[in-house]
Amino acid sequence: MDQPIIECVPNFSEGRDATVVTRIADAIASVEGVAILNQTSDRDHNRSVFTFAGAPEPVAEAAFRAIECAVSLIDLSRHAGVHPRVGAADVVPLVPVSGVSLEFCAQLAAQLGERVWRELRVPVYLYEAAARRQDRANLANIRRGRFEKLREEVRHNPARLPDFGEPALHPTAGACVIGARPFLIAFNINLATADVEIARKIARKIRASSGGLPAVKALGLYLESRGQAQVSTNLTNFEVTPLCAIVDAVRAEAERCGVSIQSTELIGLIPRKALETAGGCDLNIAAEQVLENRLDSLLR
């Protein structure tokens, strides 16, 4: 694979209304040369994650159309879900796959962010490799307090001003966080308990910011529809920490609390190398969830 290809993995604040999710998918698919590789929706998170890929310019256009659709259909002031969010089109990362650099994706992200503000009047924060401020490289810093707190703080706190836009969020669409990053693996571990405090304790123990596993972000969440606690993780560098190290750490901490892992779930896709170097545990990942397999079948 030597042609320029980038991946986009936007997260939208809607996981319950299938009509809205379908319309966002249609907006992405309306761009020639873009292939939707994966789509996942979760009712408790009230969130949908798409993975699509193609040449850089078509992917950027598809991302804009998806954001535009989400802005028109999602009212964040009426939104509720356990996952942190600041926007209808909450976070839109661009990921280099082949023939392009991370720096190129960062420049493309900035161009997309400027267009979102100019045409949709939704303020934009740039993060990860596209960040213009060091404190915004970490997505969690931007989403601190979620939509409700950011909506108030942006009015009077200069540190919370967007990179594109005015000191006010869009009344229904909030803000959009756009950036460029390497591959990220979103992996949820569901516990055989409804006690969310156990999940939160485990998340604090394993995440890098608390002195746990390097390159690991983690939250403890309660899934009301399942009556179950979940450790929701993001692995930002699978070459530093293999995926099975996260599973093993969660299992060990859970056993200390007298509970077990009930199931695991991959959100989106995983690079083949990350699976090959995962560490040998049973991850329950199907062949169609491997990025290269989807690219080979859809972009030939």
Protein backbone atom coordinates (compact mmCIF):
# COMPACT_ATOMS: atom_id res chain seq x y z
CA MET A 1 0.00 0.00 0.00
CA ASP A 2 1.91 3.07 -1.20
CA GLN A 3 -0.84 5.55 -2.14
CA PRO A 4 -1.57 8.40 0.31
CA ILE A 5 -4.24 7.16 2.73
CA ILE A 6 -5.49 8.63 5.96
CA GLU A 7 -8.04 7.35 8.43
CA CYS A 8 -10.64 9.43 10.24
CA VAL A 9 -12.29 8.19 13.45
CA PRO A 10 -14.93 10.78 14.42
CA ASN A 11 -16.98 10.37 17.59
CA PHE A 12 -20.53 11.75 17.56
CA SER A 13 -22.75 12.36 20.58
CA GLU A 14 -25.58 10.10 19.46
CA GLY A 15 -25.84 6.38 20.04
CA ARG A 16 -29.57 5.84 20.48
CA ASP A 17 -31.34 7.34 17.48
CA ALA A 18 -30.59 5.05 14.53
CA THR A 19 -31.99 7.57 12.06
CA VAL A 20 -29.45 10.21 13.08
CA VAL A 21 -26.59 7.72 12.96
CA THR A 22 -27.66 6.56 9.50
CA ARG A 23 -27.80 10.11 8.18
CA ILE A 24 -24.27 10.77 9.43
CA ALA A 25 -23.13 7.56 7.73
CA ASP A 26 -24.82 8.68 4.50
CA ALA A 27 -23.02 12.02 4.69
CA ILE A 28 -19.67 10.25 4.93
CA ALA A 29 -20.51 7.82 2.14
CA SER A 30 -21.60 10.65 -0.17
CA VAL A 31 -17.95 11.50 -0.87
CA GLU A 32 -16.44 9.51 -3.72
CA GLY A 33 -13.24 7.69 -2.80
CA VAL A 34 -14.05 7.31 0.88
CA ALA A 35 -14.76 3.90 2.42
CA ILE A 36 -16.51 3.41 5.76
CA LEU A 37 -14.54 0.66 7.47
CA ASN A 38 -16.39 0.38 10.77
CA GLN A 39 -19.22 1.90 12.81
CA THR A 40 -20.07 1.32 16.47
CA SER A 41 -22.90 2.83 18.54
CA ASP A 42 -23.41 2.51 22.28
CA ARG A 43 -26.62 3.42 24.07
CA ASP A 44 -25.11 4.03 27.49
CA HIS A 45 -22.26 6.12 26.15
CA ASN A 46 -24.84 7.69 23.79
CA ARG A 47 -22.08 7.86 21.25
CA SER A 48 -21.25 6.57 17.79
CA VAL A 49 -17.78 6.05 16.40
CA PHE A 50 -17.08 5.80 12.68
CA THR A 51 -13.88 4.71 10.99
CA PHE A 52 -13.42 5.72 7.35
CA ALA A 53 -10.42 6.05 5.07
CA GLY A 54 -9.25 7.24 1.70
CA ALA A 55 -7.05 9.87 0.11
CA PRO A 56 -6.53 12.96 2.29
CA GLU A 57 -8.77 15.48 0.52
CA PRO A 58 -11.82 13.20 0.17
CA VAL A 59 -11.48 12.13 3.82
CA ALA A 60 -11.37 15.76 4.94
CA GLU A 61 -14.46 16.51 2.86
CA ALA A 62 -16.29 13.49 4.30
CA ALA A 63 -15.35 14.60 7.81
CA PHE A 64 -16.78 18.06 7.15
CA ARG A 65 -20.04 16.66 5.76
CA ALA A 66 -20.39 14.36 8.77
CA ILE A 67 -19.79 17.24 11.17
CA GLU A 68 -22.28 19.38 9.26
CA CYS A 69 -24.88 16.64 9.52
CA ALA A 70 -24.28 16.14 13.25
CA VAL A 71 -24.55 19.88 13.90
CA SER A 72 -27.93 19.98 12.20
CA LEU A 73 -29.36 16.91 13.96
CA ILE A 74 -27.88 16.65 17.48
CA ASP A 75 -28.92 18.92 20.34
CA LEU A 76 -26.26 18.59 23.00
CA SER A 77 -28.31 20.58 25.51
CA ARG A 78 -30.66 17.58 25.64
CA HIS A 79 -27.98 14.93 25.44
CA ALA A 80 -27.15 12.53 28.26
CA GLY A 81 -24.57 9.75 28.29
CA VAL A 82 -21.79 8.43 30.48
CA HIS A 83 -18.97 9.35 28.11
CA PRO A 84 -17.36 12.81 28.38
CA ARG A 85 -18.24 15.14 25.47
CA VAL A 86 -18.18 18.81 24.49
CA GLY A 87 -19.80 18.65 21.08
CA ALA A 88 -22.32 17.03 18.79
CA ALA A 89 -19.35 16.15 16.58
CA ASP A 90 -17.23 15.66 19.66
CA VAL A 91 -13.79 14.64 18.46
CA VAL A 92 -12.51 14.22 14.90
CA PRO A 93 -8.98 12.78 14.62
CA LEU A 94 -7.07 12.30 11.37
CA VAL A 95 -4.62 9.39 11.35
CA PRO A 96 -1.84 8.75 8.81
CA VAL A 97 -2.03 5.26 7.30
CA SER A 98 0.34 5.32 4.33
CA GLY A 99 2.14 7.84 2.17
CA VAL A 100 1.51 10.82 4.49
CA SER A 101 3.04 12.11 7.71
CA LEU A 102 1.49 13.00 11.03
CA GLU A 103 2.55 16.59 10.39
CA PHE A 104 0.58 16.60 7.13
CA CYS A 105 -2.50 15.34 8.96
CA ALA A 106 -2.05 18.09 11.56
CA GLN A 107 -2.06 20.73 8.83
CA LEU A 108 -5.17 19.15 7.27
CA ALA A 109 -6.87 19.11 10.68
CA ALA A 110 -6.22 22.84 11.09
CA GLN A 111 -7.70 23.51 7.66
CA LEU A 112 -10.76 21.44 8.53
CA GLY A 113 -11.13 23.24 11.86
CA GLU A 114 -11.02 26.65 10.23
CA ARG A 115 -13.70 25.55 7.74
CA VAL A 116 -15.97 24.16 10.47
CA TRP A 117 -15.91 27.51 12.24
CA ARG A 118 -16.23 29.59 9.08
CA GLU A 119 -19.13 27.64 7.54
CA LEU A 120 -20.91 26.08 10.52
CA ARG A 121 -20.10 28.61 13.28
CA VAL A 122 -19.08 25.82 15.62
CA PRO A 123 -15.96 26.69 17.65
CA VAL A 124 -13.04 24.31 17.22
CA TYR A 125 -10.25 23.18 19.52
CA LEU A 126 -7.15 21.59 17.98
CA TYR A 127 -5.60 18.65 19.84
CA GLU A 128 -2.80 16.08 19.77
CA ALA A 129 -0.33 16.74 16.90
CA ALA A 130 -2.45 19.66 15.66
CA ALA A 131 -2.52 21.40 19.05
CA ARG A 132 -1.32 25.00 19.10
CA ARG A 133 -0.90 24.94 22.87
CA GLN A 134 0.88 22.27 24.88
CA ASP A 135 -2.00 21.82 27.32
CA ARG A 136 -4.35 20.95 24.44
CA ALA A 137 -2.32 18.03 23.19
CA ASN A 138 -4.26 15.97 25.76
CA LEU A 139 -7.92 15.63 24.78
CA ALA A 140 -8.97 15.25 28.42
CA ASN A 141 -7.82 18.80 29.18
CA ILE A 142 -10.12 20.21 26.51
CA ARG A 143 -13.09 18.10 27.61
CA ARG A 144 -12.64 18.85 31.31
CA GLY A 145 -16.06 19.63 32.77
CA ARG A 146 -17.83 18.45 29.61
CA PHE A 147 -20.17 20.59 27.52
CA GLU A 148 -22.00 22.07 30.48
CA LYS A 149 -18.92 23.48 32.23
CA LEU A 150 -17.09 24.52 29.07
CA ARG A 151 -20.19 26.42 27.95
CA GLU A 152 -19.85 28.64 31.03
CA GLU A 153 -16.07 28.85 31.28
CA VAL A 154 -15.44 29.84 27.66
CA ARG A 155 -17.32 33.09 28.26
CA HIS A 156 -14.91 34.48 30.85
CA ASN A 157 -11.77 32.33 30.99
CA PRO A 158 -9.22 33.18 28.25
CA ALA A 159 -7.52 29.80 28.77
CA ARG A 160 -10.68 28.09 27.52
CA LEU A 161 -11.07 30.09 24.29
CA PRO A 162 -11.25 27.93 21.15
CA ASP A 163 -8.55 27.92 18.49
CA PHE A 164 -11.20 28.89 15.93
CA GLY A 165 -14.25 30.82 17.06
CA GLU A 166 -15.61 33.25 19.60
CA PRO A 167 -15.98 32.99 23.41
CA ALA A 168 -19.26 31.11 23.17
CA LEU A 169 -20.19 27.56 22.24
CA HIS A 170 -22.77 26.72 19.60
CA PRO A 171 -26.08 26.55 21.52
CA THR A 172 -26.91 23.02 20.41
CA ALA A 173 -23.74 21.61 18.82
CA GLY A 174 -21.26 22.82 21.45
CA ALA A 175 -17.69 22.68 20.19
CA CYS A 176 -15.70 20.34 17.97
CA VAL A 177 -12.26 18.96 18.82
CA ILE A 178 -10.22 18.24 15.70
CA GLY A 179 -6.69 16.92 15.51
CA ALA A 180 -4.15 14.45 14.20
CA ARG A 181 -2.76 11.48 16.05
CA PRO A 182 -1.19 8.04 15.55
CA PHE A 183 -3.31 4.92 15.82
CA LEU A 184 -5.33 4.68 19.03
CA ILE A 185 -6.99 1.54 20.31
CA ALA A 186 -10.29 2.01 22.13
CA PHE A 187 -10.94 -1.08 24.22
CA ASN A 188 -13.65 -1.56 26.84
CA ILE A 189 -13.52 -4.14 29.60
CA ASN A 190 -16.87 -5.02 31.16
CA LEU A 191 -16.87 -6.28 34.74
CA ALA A 192 -19.13 -8.86 36.34
CA THR A 193 -20.46 -6.28 38.78
CA ALA A 194 -22.72 -3.24 38.81
CA ASP A 195 -20.44 -1.44 41.28
CA VAL A 196 -19.05 1.50 39.32
CA GLU A 197 -16.72 2.42 42.19
CA ILE A 198 -14.77 -0.76 41.50
CA ALA A 199 -14.42 0.24 37.85
CA ARG A 200 -13.29 3.73 38.84
CA LYS A 201 -10.76 2.32 41.30
CA ILE A 202 -9.33 0.06 38.60
CA ALA A 203 -9.21 2.90 36.08
CA ARG A 204 -7.27 5.09 38.51
CA LYS A 205 -4.83 2.25 39.14
CA ILE A 206 -4.03 1.43 35.51
CA ARG A 207 -4.02 4.81 33.73
CA ALA A 208 -0.76 6.57 33.00
CA SER A 209 -1.82 9.86 34.60
CA SER A 210 -2.10 8.09 37.96
CA GLY A 211 1.24 6.32 37.62
CA GLY A 212 -0.14 3.18 35.99
CA LEU A 213 0.55 1.75 32.54
CA PRO A 214 2.29 4.05 30.04
CA ALA A 215 0.16 5.29 27.12
CA VAL A 216 -3.08 4.17 28.79
CA LYS A 217 -6.11 6.35 29.50
CA ALA A 218 -8.99 4.87 31.48
CA LEU A 219 -12.38 5.72 32.93
CA GLY A 220 -14.73 3.78 35.17
CA LEU A 221 -18.30 3.97 33.87
CA TYR A 222 -21.71 2.53 34.73
CA LEU A 223 -23.72 1.04 31.86
CA GLU A 224 -27.33 1.44 32.92
CA SER A 225 -28.83 -0.64 30.10
CA ARG A 226 -26.64 -3.60 31.09
CA GLY A 227 -26.55 -3.03 34.85
CA GLN A 228 -22.79 -3.32 34.58
CA ALA A 229 -19.61 -1.44 35.41
CA GLN A 230 -17.06 -0.86 32.67
CA VAL A 231 -13.41 0.10 32.49
CA SER A 232 -13.21 2.11 29.28
CA THR A 233 -9.64 2.43 28.00
CA ASN A 234 -7.70 4.18 25.24
CA LEU A 235 -4.27 2.83 24.35
CA THR A 236 -2.34 5.62 22.65
CA ASN A 237 0.82 3.66 21.88
CA PHE A 238 0.57 -0.11 21.52
CA GLU A 239 4.34 -0.38 21.01
CA VAL A 240 4.87 0.95 24.55
CA THR A 241 2.11 -1.03 26.27
CA PRO A 242 0.68 -4.17 24.60
CA LEU A 243 -3.08 -4.53 24.75
CA CYS A 244 -2.97 -7.69 26.84
CA ALA A 245 -1.07 -5.82 29.54
CA ILE A 246 -4.20 -3.72 30.05
CA VAL A 247 -6.44 -6.78 30.24
CA ASP A 248 -4.08 -8.50 32.67
CA ALA A 249 -3.86 -5.40 34.87
CA VAL A 250 -7.63 -4.97 34.96
CA ARG A 251 -8.11 -8.66 35.75
CA ALA A 252 -5.60 -8.52 38.60
CA GLU A 253 -7.18 -5.42 40.13
CA ALA A 254 -10.68 -6.80 39.66
CA GLU A 255 -9.75 -10.03 41.43
CA ARG A 256 -8.44 -8.00 44.35
CA CYS A 257 -11.91 -6.50 44.57
CA GLY A 258 -13.57 -9.91 44.34
CA VAL A 259 -14.95 -9.56 40.80
CA SER A 260 -14.04 -10.83 37.35
CA ILE A 261 -14.02 -9.66 33.75
CA GLN A 262 -17.25 -10.59 32.01
CA SER A 263 -16.45 -9.44 28.45
CA THR A 264 -14.32 -7.14 26.34
CA GLU A 265 -15.08 -5.06 23.26
CA LEU A 266 -12.98 -3.26 20.68
CA ILE A 267 -14.39 0.07 19.49
CA GLY A 268 -13.40 0.71 15.89
CA LEU A 269 -10.45 -1.10 14.34
CA ILE A 270 -7.04 -2.32 15.43
CA PRO A 271 -3.80 -2.28 13.39
CA ARG A 272 -2.54 -5.77 12.58
CA LYS A 273 0.78 -5.09 14.30
CA ALA A 274 -1.01 -4.19 17.52
CA LEU A 275 -2.84 -7.49 17.45
CA GLU A 276 0.33 -9.45 16.64
CA THR A 277 2.17 -7.85 19.56
CA ALA A 278 -0.83 -7.81 21.95
CA GLY A 279 0.68 -10.39 24.26
CA GLY A 280 -1.27 -13.61 23.72
CA CYS A 281 -4.45 -13.13 25.76
CA ASP A 282 -7.90 -13.79 24.30
CA LEU A 283 -9.10 -10.40 23.00
CA ASN A 284 -12.17 -11.66 21.10
CA ILE A 285 -11.29 -9.59 18.02
CA ALA A 286 -12.65 -10.70 14.64
CA ALA A 287 -10.69 -10.56 11.38
CA GLU A 288 -12.95 -7.80 10.05
CA GLN A 289 -11.90 -5.60 12.98
CA VAL A 290 -8.29 -5.53 11.75
CA LEU A 291 -7.58 -2.27 9.93
CA GLU A 292 -5.48 -3.71 7.13
CA ASN A 293 -8.07 -6.39 6.38
CA ARG A 294 -10.76 -3.75 5.91
CA LEU A 295 -8.50 -1.56 3.82
CA ASP A 296 -7.52 -4.48 1.58
CA SER A 297 -11.15 -5.38 0.93
CA LEU A 298 -12.57 -1.88 0.45
CA LEU A 299 -9.80 0.25 -1.04
CA ARG A 300 -8.37 -2.05 -3.68
